[in-house]
């Protein structure tokens, strides 16, 4: 049986295959009744946001974890992928900044992730495509 943290880390790796930016993994197990981990990721365009969400869904399905729910498909600037113990938010970065989920979950334990420097916000350029 895969732990929820392992599942979340698999989602991070799947997102990296599409160059998702600035991942933040929050352990909300003591703060939330509906999930254990929230993963927040950014893309620099709507197309990239779609690609990241699709890559995560595909990898999770391959690993035997179908999404219980998906919101924001096709053209969305924010996808929500619900895998039960792990909820993934993939944002177009300016939208992520507006909603500030990290701020809403400021009391959650932030899990350290090894993120390549090129996938940090300081390196990001935005596209309108």
N, C-alpha and C. Protein backbone atom coordinates (compact mmCIF):
# COMPACT_ATOMS: atom_id res chain seq x y z
N UNK A 1 0.85 -1.19 0.00
CA UNK A 1 0.00 0.00 0.00
C UNK A 1 0.88 1.25 0.00
N UNK A 2 0.62 2.15 -0.90
CA UNK A 2 1.39 3.37 -1.04
C UNK A 2 0.94 4.38 0.01
N UNK A 3 1.91 4.98 0.71
CA UNK A 3 1.55 6.01 1.68
C UNK A 3 1.12 7.28 0.95
N UNK A 4 0.36 8.12 1.63
CA UNK A 4 -0.09 9.35 1.00
C UNK A 4 1.08 10.28 0.68
N UNK A 5 2.12 10.26 1.51
CA UNK A 5 3.29 11.09 1.23
C UNK A 5 4.01 10.59 -0.02
N UNK A 6 4.14 9.28 -0.16
CA UNK A 6 4.76 8.70 -1.35
C UNK A 6 3.95 9.06 -2.59
N UNK A 7 2.65 8.99 -2.50
CA UNK A 7 1.77 9.37 -3.61
C UNK A 7 2.00 10.84 -3.98
N UNK A 8 2.09 11.69 -2.98
CA UNK A 8 2.33 13.12 -3.24
C UNK A 8 3.67 13.34 -3.93
N UNK A 9 4.68 12.62 -3.49
CA UNK A 9 6.01 12.77 -4.10
C UNK A 9 6.02 12.23 -5.53
N UNK A 10 5.22 11.20 -5.81
CA UNK A 10 5.08 10.72 -7.19
C UNK A 10 4.45 11.79 -8.06
N UNK A 11 3.48 12.50 -7.52
CA UNK A 11 2.84 13.58 -8.27
C UNK A 11 3.84 14.70 -8.56
N UNK A 12 4.70 15.00 -7.60
CA UNK A 12 5.74 16.02 -7.81
C UNK A 12 6.63 15.61 -8.97
N UNK A 13 7.09 14.37 -8.96
CA UNK A 13 7.98 13.89 -10.02
C UNK A 13 7.29 13.93 -11.39
N UNK A 14 6.02 13.57 -11.43
CA UNK A 14 5.27 13.62 -12.69
C UNK A 14 5.17 15.07 -13.17
N UNK A 15 4.96 16.00 -12.26
CA UNK A 15 4.87 17.42 -12.62
C UNK A 15 6.20 17.93 -13.17
N UNK A 16 7.30 17.44 -12.62
CA UNK A 16 8.62 17.86 -13.10
C UNK A 16 8.85 17.45 -14.55
N UNK A 17 8.20 16.38 -15.02
CA UNK A 17 8.39 15.96 -16.41
C UNK A 17 7.86 17.01 -17.38
N UNK A 18 6.99 17.90 -16.90
CA UNK A 18 6.44 18.98 -17.72
C UNK A 18 6.90 20.35 -17.21
N UNK A 19 8.00 20.33 -16.44
CA UNK A 19 8.62 21.57 -15.94
C UNK A 19 7.71 22.45 -15.10
N UNK A 20 6.91 21.83 -14.24
CA UNK A 20 6.09 22.60 -13.31
C UNK A 20 6.99 23.41 -12.39
N UNK A 21 6.58 24.62 -12.10
CA UNK A 21 7.38 25.53 -11.28
C UNK A 21 6.95 25.52 -9.82
N UNK A 22 7.90 25.81 -8.99
CA UNK A 22 7.73 26.13 -7.57
C UNK A 22 6.74 25.23 -6.83
N UNK A 23 7.03 23.93 -6.77
CA UNK A 23 6.13 23.04 -6.03
C UNK A 23 6.20 23.30 -4.53
N UNK A 24 5.05 23.23 -3.91
CA UNK A 24 4.96 23.33 -2.45
C UNK A 24 4.09 22.16 -2.01
N UNK A 25 4.64 21.34 -1.10
CA UNK A 25 3.91 20.20 -0.57
C UNK A 25 3.62 20.47 0.90
N UNK A 26 2.33 20.50 1.22
CA UNK A 26 1.89 20.80 2.58
C UNK A 26 1.28 19.57 3.23
N UNK A 27 1.72 19.26 4.43
CA UNK A 27 1.14 18.18 5.23
C UNK A 27 0.01 18.80 6.04
N UNK A 28 -1.21 18.52 5.66
CA UNK A 28 -2.38 19.08 6.34
C UNK A 28 -3.14 18.02 7.13
N UNK A 29 -2.48 16.90 7.37
CA UNK A 29 -3.15 15.75 8.02
C UNK A 29 -3.71 16.09 9.39
N UNK A 30 -3.09 17.02 10.11
CA UNK A 30 -3.60 17.39 11.43
C UNK A 30 -4.56 18.58 11.37
N UNK A 31 -4.71 19.17 10.18
CA UNK A 31 -5.54 20.36 10.02
C UNK A 31 -6.79 20.13 9.18
N UNK A 32 -6.82 19.02 8.45
CA UNK A 32 -7.88 18.78 7.49
C UNK A 32 -8.50 17.41 7.69
N UNK A 33 -9.79 17.32 7.44
CA UNK A 33 -10.47 16.03 7.53
C UNK A 33 -10.63 15.37 6.16
N UNK A 34 -10.31 16.11 5.08
CA UNK A 34 -10.56 15.56 3.75
C UNK A 34 -9.32 15.09 2.99
N UNK A 35 -8.13 15.46 3.45
CA UNK A 35 -6.91 15.02 2.76
C UNK A 35 -5.73 15.11 3.71
N UNK A 36 -4.65 14.42 3.36
CA UNK A 36 -3.42 14.47 4.16
C UNK A 36 -2.41 15.46 3.61
N UNK A 37 -2.34 15.57 2.27
CA UNK A 37 -1.34 16.43 1.64
C UNK A 37 -1.99 17.29 0.57
N UNK A 38 -1.50 18.51 0.46
CA UNK A 38 -1.89 19.41 -0.62
C UNK A 38 -0.61 19.77 -1.37
N UNK A 39 -0.63 19.53 -2.67
CA UNK A 39 0.49 19.87 -3.53
C UNK A 39 0.07 21.04 -4.40
N UNK A 40 0.87 22.09 -4.40
CA UNK A 40 0.59 23.29 -5.18
C UNK A 40 1.74 23.48 -6.17
N UNK A 41 1.39 23.66 -7.44
CA UNK A 41 2.37 23.80 -8.52
C UNK A 41 1.97 24.95 -9.43
N UNK A 42 2.95 25.46 -10.18
CA UNK A 42 2.68 26.54 -11.13
C UNK A 42 3.12 26.16 -12.53
N UNK A 43 2.45 26.78 -13.51
CA UNK A 43 2.86 26.73 -14.89
C UNK A 43 2.95 28.16 -15.40
N UNK A 44 3.71 28.35 -16.47
CA UNK A 44 3.90 29.71 -16.98
C UNK A 44 2.93 30.06 -18.10
N UNK A 45 2.08 29.11 -18.48
CA UNK A 45 1.05 29.36 -19.48
C UNK A 45 -0.11 28.39 -19.23
N UNK A 46 -1.26 28.69 -19.82
CA UNK A 46 -2.41 27.80 -19.68
C UNK A 46 -2.10 26.43 -20.28
N UNK A 47 -1.39 26.42 -21.40
CA UNK A 47 -1.03 25.14 -22.02
C UNK A 47 -0.14 24.31 -21.10
N UNK A 48 0.80 24.96 -20.45
CA UNK A 48 1.67 24.22 -19.54
C UNK A 48 0.88 23.71 -18.35
N UNK A 49 -0.03 24.50 -17.84
CA UNK A 49 -0.87 24.05 -16.72
C UNK A 49 -1.62 22.79 -17.12
N UNK A 50 -2.20 22.78 -18.33
CA UNK A 50 -2.90 21.59 -18.83
C UNK A 50 -1.96 20.40 -18.92
N UNK A 51 -0.76 20.63 -19.47
CA UNK A 51 0.20 19.54 -19.65
C UNK A 51 0.63 18.95 -18.31
N UNK A 52 0.85 19.80 -17.32
CA UNK A 52 1.25 19.33 -16.00
C UNK A 52 0.13 18.49 -15.38
N UNK A 53 -1.09 19.00 -15.44
CA UNK A 53 -2.23 18.27 -14.88
C UNK A 53 -2.40 16.91 -15.57
N UNK A 54 -2.27 16.89 -16.89
CA UNK A 54 -2.41 15.63 -17.63
C UNK A 54 -1.29 14.65 -17.27
N UNK A 55 -0.07 15.15 -17.12
CA UNK A 55 1.06 14.27 -16.77
C UNK A 55 0.86 13.65 -15.39
N UNK A 56 0.38 14.45 -14.46
CA UNK A 56 0.13 13.93 -13.11
C UNK A 56 -0.97 12.87 -13.15
N UNK A 57 -2.06 13.15 -13.84
CA UNK A 57 -3.14 12.17 -13.93
C UNK A 57 -2.67 10.86 -14.56
N UNK A 58 -1.90 10.98 -15.64
CA UNK A 58 -1.41 9.79 -16.33
C UNK A 58 -0.50 8.96 -15.43
N UNK A 59 0.45 9.62 -14.75
CA UNK A 59 1.38 8.91 -13.87
C UNK A 59 0.66 8.25 -12.70
N UNK A 60 -0.28 8.96 -12.12
CA UNK A 60 -1.02 8.40 -10.99
C UNK A 60 -1.87 7.21 -11.44
N UNK A 61 -2.47 7.31 -12.61
CA UNK A 61 -3.27 6.20 -13.13
C UNK A 61 -2.39 4.98 -13.38
N UNK A 62 -1.20 5.22 -13.96
CA UNK A 62 -0.24 4.13 -14.20
C UNK A 62 0.14 3.46 -12.88
N UNK A 63 0.24 4.25 -11.82
CA UNK A 63 0.60 3.71 -10.50
C UNK A 63 -0.62 3.13 -9.76
N UNK A 64 -1.78 3.14 -10.43
CA UNK A 64 -2.98 2.55 -9.82
C UNK A 64 -3.81 3.50 -8.99
N UNK A 65 -3.65 4.80 -9.20
CA UNK A 65 -4.38 5.80 -8.42
C UNK A 65 -5.16 6.72 -9.35
N UNK A 66 -6.43 6.41 -9.54
CA UNK A 66 -7.29 7.26 -10.36
C UNK A 66 -7.73 8.47 -9.56
N UNK A 67 -7.86 9.60 -10.24
CA UNK A 67 -8.37 10.80 -9.58
C UNK A 67 -9.83 10.59 -9.21
N UNK A 68 -10.18 10.98 -8.00
CA UNK A 68 -11.57 10.91 -7.55
C UNK A 68 -12.38 12.06 -8.14
N UNK A 69 -11.67 13.13 -8.46
CA UNK A 69 -12.32 14.29 -9.06
C UNK A 69 -11.29 15.17 -9.74
N UNK A 70 -11.73 15.82 -10.81
CA UNK A 70 -10.87 16.75 -11.55
C UNK A 70 -11.71 17.97 -11.88
N UNK A 71 -11.17 19.13 -11.58
CA UNK A 71 -11.86 20.39 -11.89
C UNK A 71 -10.92 21.27 -12.70
N UNK A 72 -11.49 22.06 -13.63
CA UNK A 72 -10.72 23.04 -14.37
C UNK A 72 -10.18 22.56 -15.69
N UNK A 73 -10.70 21.47 -16.21
CA UNK A 73 -10.16 20.91 -17.46
C UNK A 73 -10.34 21.84 -18.65
N UNK A 74 -9.42 21.73 -19.61
CA UNK A 74 -9.42 22.42 -20.89
C UNK A 74 -9.55 23.93 -20.75
N UNK A 75 -8.41 24.57 -20.85
CA UNK A 75 -8.37 26.03 -20.87
C UNK A 75 -8.38 26.67 -19.51
N UNK A 76 -8.38 25.87 -18.47
CA UNK A 76 -8.42 26.43 -17.14
C UNK A 76 -7.07 26.97 -16.70
N UNK A 77 -7.10 27.93 -15.83
CA UNK A 77 -5.87 28.48 -15.26
C UNK A 77 -5.58 27.85 -13.90
N UNK A 78 -6.48 26.94 -13.49
CA UNK A 78 -6.33 26.28 -12.21
C UNK A 78 -6.98 24.91 -12.30
N UNK A 79 -6.19 23.88 -12.14
CA UNK A 79 -6.71 22.52 -12.10
C UNK A 79 -6.65 22.02 -10.68
N UNK A 80 -7.67 21.29 -10.28
CA UNK A 80 -7.67 20.61 -9.00
C UNK A 80 -7.81 19.13 -9.29
N UNK A 81 -6.85 18.36 -8.80
CA UNK A 81 -6.86 16.90 -8.97
C UNK A 81 -6.98 16.29 -7.59
N UNK A 82 -8.06 15.57 -7.36
CA UNK A 82 -8.32 14.99 -6.04
C UNK A 82 -8.03 13.49 -6.07
N UNK A 83 -6.97 13.09 -5.38
CA UNK A 83 -6.61 11.69 -5.26
C UNK A 83 -6.92 11.15 -3.87
N UNK A 84 -7.84 11.80 -3.17
CA UNK A 84 -8.20 11.36 -1.82
C UNK A 84 -7.23 11.89 -0.79
N UNK A 85 -6.20 11.12 -0.49
CA UNK A 85 -5.22 11.52 0.52
C UNK A 85 -4.30 12.64 0.03
N UNK A 86 -4.33 12.90 -1.27
CA UNK A 86 -3.51 13.96 -1.86
C UNK A 86 -4.39 14.79 -2.80
N UNK A 87 -4.37 16.10 -2.60
CA UNK A 87 -5.07 17.02 -3.49
C UNK A 87 -4.01 17.88 -4.17
N UNK A 88 -4.08 17.95 -5.49
CA UNK A 88 -3.09 18.68 -6.28
C UNK A 88 -3.76 19.89 -6.92
N UNK A 89 -3.14 21.05 -6.74
CA UNK A 89 -3.57 22.28 -7.40
C UNK A 89 -2.48 22.67 -8.39
N UNK A 90 -2.85 22.80 -9.67
CA UNK A 90 -1.91 23.25 -10.70
C UNK A 90 -2.44 24.59 -11.20
N UNK A 91 -1.67 25.64 -11.00
CA UNK A 91 -2.09 27.00 -11.32
C UNK A 91 -1.26 27.62 -12.43
N UNK A 92 -1.88 28.50 -13.19
CA UNK A 92 -1.14 29.51 -13.94
C UNK A 92 -0.62 30.44 -12.85
N UNK A 93 0.67 30.71 -12.84
CA UNK A 93 1.29 31.31 -11.65
C UNK A 93 0.63 32.61 -11.17
N UNK A 94 0.27 33.56 -12.03
CA UNK A 94 -0.39 34.76 -11.50
C UNK A 94 -1.70 34.45 -10.77
N UNK A 95 -2.41 33.42 -11.20
CA UNK A 95 -3.64 33.01 -10.52
C UNK A 95 -3.29 32.41 -9.16
N UNK A 96 -2.23 31.64 -9.12
CA UNK A 96 -1.77 31.07 -7.84
C UNK A 96 -1.46 32.18 -6.83
N UNK A 97 -0.77 33.20 -7.28
CA UNK A 97 -0.45 34.31 -6.39
C UNK A 97 -1.71 34.99 -5.88
N UNK A 98 -2.72 35.13 -6.74
CA UNK A 98 -3.96 35.77 -6.35
C UNK A 98 -4.68 34.98 -5.25
N UNK A 99 -4.81 33.67 -5.43
CA UNK A 99 -5.55 32.85 -4.47
C UNK A 99 -4.75 32.51 -3.21
N UNK A 100 -3.44 32.50 -3.29
CA UNK A 100 -2.55 32.33 -2.14
C UNK A 100 -2.95 31.17 -1.21
N UNK A 101 -3.05 29.98 -1.78
CA UNK A 101 -3.39 28.81 -0.95
C UNK A 101 -2.35 28.55 0.13
N UNK A 102 -1.07 28.85 -0.19
CA UNK A 102 -0.03 28.66 0.83
C UNK A 102 -0.33 29.52 2.06
N UNK A 103 -0.83 30.72 1.84
CA UNK A 103 -1.20 31.59 2.95
C UNK A 103 -2.39 31.05 3.73
N UNK A 104 -3.35 30.47 3.01
CA UNK A 104 -4.52 29.90 3.68
C UNK A 104 -4.14 28.71 4.55
N UNK A 105 -3.11 27.98 4.14
CA UNK A 105 -2.64 26.80 4.88
C UNK A 105 -1.31 27.10 5.58
N UNK A 106 -1.14 28.31 6.06
CA UNK A 106 0.14 28.73 6.65
C UNK A 106 0.53 27.91 7.89
N UNK A 107 -0.43 27.29 8.55
CA UNK A 107 -0.13 26.50 9.74
C UNK A 107 0.30 25.07 9.39
N UNK A 108 0.19 24.70 8.12
CA UNK A 108 0.55 23.34 7.70
C UNK A 108 2.07 23.17 7.67
N UNK A 109 2.49 21.94 7.91
CA UNK A 109 3.90 21.60 7.82
C UNK A 109 4.30 21.57 6.34
N UNK A 110 5.33 22.33 5.98
CA UNK A 110 5.81 22.36 4.60
C UNK A 110 6.89 21.29 4.45
N UNK A 111 6.68 20.37 3.52
CA UNK A 111 7.62 19.28 3.25
C UNK A 111 8.71 19.79 2.32
N UNK A 112 9.96 19.59 2.71
CA UNK A 112 11.09 20.01 1.88
C UNK A 112 11.14 19.17 0.60
N UNK A 113 11.29 19.83 -0.52
CA UNK A 113 11.41 19.16 -1.81
C UNK A 113 12.69 19.62 -2.49
N UNK A 114 13.31 18.71 -3.20
CA UNK A 114 14.47 19.07 -4.01
C UNK A 114 13.94 19.55 -5.36
N UNK A 115 14.10 20.85 -5.57
CA UNK A 115 13.57 21.47 -6.78
C UNK A 115 14.73 22.00 -7.62
N UNK A 116 14.82 21.58 -8.87
CA UNK A 116 15.88 22.12 -9.71
C UNK A 116 15.78 23.65 -9.78
N UNK A 117 16.91 24.35 -9.77
CA UNK A 117 16.89 25.82 -9.77
C UNK A 117 16.09 26.42 -10.93
N UNK A 118 16.11 25.76 -12.07
CA UNK A 118 15.38 26.31 -13.22
C UNK A 118 13.87 26.23 -13.07
N UNK A 119 13.41 25.52 -12.04
CA UNK A 119 11.97 25.41 -11.79
C UNK A 119 11.53 26.26 -10.59
N UNK A 120 12.31 27.27 -10.29
CA UNK A 120 11.98 28.23 -9.24
C UNK A 120 11.33 29.46 -9.87
N UNK A 121 10.50 30.13 -9.14
CA UNK A 121 9.77 31.29 -9.63
C UNK A 121 10.71 32.37 -10.14
N UNK A 122 11.83 32.58 -9.50
CA UNK A 122 12.75 33.64 -9.91
C UNK A 122 13.22 33.43 -11.35
N UNK A 123 13.18 32.21 -11.85
CA UNK A 123 13.63 31.90 -13.21
C UNK A 123 12.48 31.89 -14.22
N UNK A 124 11.26 32.08 -13.76
CA UNK A 124 10.10 31.88 -14.59
C UNK A 124 9.77 33.09 -15.46
N UNK A 125 9.43 32.83 -16.70
CA UNK A 125 8.90 33.84 -17.62
C UNK A 125 7.48 33.41 -17.97
N UNK A 126 6.58 34.34 -18.09
CA UNK A 126 5.17 34.03 -18.37
C UNK A 126 4.86 34.15 -19.85
N UNK A 127 3.87 33.39 -20.25
CA UNK A 127 3.39 33.44 -21.62
C UNK A 127 1.89 33.67 -21.60
N UNK A 128 1.38 34.34 -22.58
CA UNK A 128 -0.06 34.54 -22.67
C UNK A 128 -0.74 33.42 -23.45
N UNK A 129 0.06 32.50 -23.97
CA UNK A 129 -0.51 31.40 -24.76
C UNK A 129 -1.13 30.35 -23.88
